[in-house]
Amino acid sequence: MYETNMYEGMLAETITLPGANDDIINAYYARPMGQGPFPGIVVIHHMPGWDEWYREATRKFAHHGYAALSPNLYYRAGHGAPDDVAAKVRAAGGVPDDQAVGDLVGAMRYLRSLPNNNGRVGVFGTCSGGRQAYLVACHSHGFDAVVDCWGGGVVMAEKDLSPTYPVAPIDYTKDLSCPLLGLFGEDDSSPTPAQVAQHEQELSKHGKAYKFHMYPGAGHGFFYYDRPAYRQQQAVDGWQKIFTFLEKHLAATA
């Protein structure tokens, strides 16, 4: 609970860490001041890139008491304006799933190695980052909670598979290793409500711990205040649900 007489402080900076195949990539790291211990959260950027909104989201998590780390999954494509780098990555077919998983596991291991970590690490992502958050939570046993915000491409048709995306993430559902929170919009086309329902059916089939929320009047990207898709009421409620979920699963010391 925030109170006006609380001491507040934060450190935020760009760092480097080993990702997939031990490649060195950069990442944005923000944490509260103080001894901790703090829960960790890996913050996965969306398809538009490693941009200002994701810097702000990383600091938002730090403000709420998390050591937050947002790795640059587009590092290998070179540097420049986020939109330009993202366009280059899309033109090349996207980030391979195995590479993304390797980078995200590297970020998780970095957070777990910190002396102020409380023994718990979650993962959060929106758009393609929501898909990748689910994917890494199915591939790795190092996460304690996952938040998927409108992650398109969890359910995939056979025709959409490729060497970059060889398996639909939904097909890994039996391996999901931690509780899942999903936030979606009724007006979204990726994922559609029907795809979200299919995902939910698969989670239920395998007895996974999850909670999905489908927002009327919202489409894709309804948290992004700088875009026409922003929906204030749904976004505020969504953030509240995220922090309630993370408090439950990450706040205690493991």
Foldseek 3Di string as FASTA:
>chain_A
DDDPPDDWDKDKDKDWWQFPVRDIFIKIKMATDDLALAAEEEEEEALLFPDDVSNVVQVVVRRVGYTYIYTGLLRVQDDDHSNVSSVSQVVVPHAALVRLLRRRVRVLVVLCPDPSHLQAYEYEYFACSLQSSLQNQLVDQSHAEYERELHFQLDDDPVPADRRRPDRVLVSLLRRNYEYEYEAECAEVRPHPVVVVVSVVSNVVNVHHYDYDYHYPAYGPCLPPVDPRHDVVSNVVVVVVVVVVCCVGGVHRD
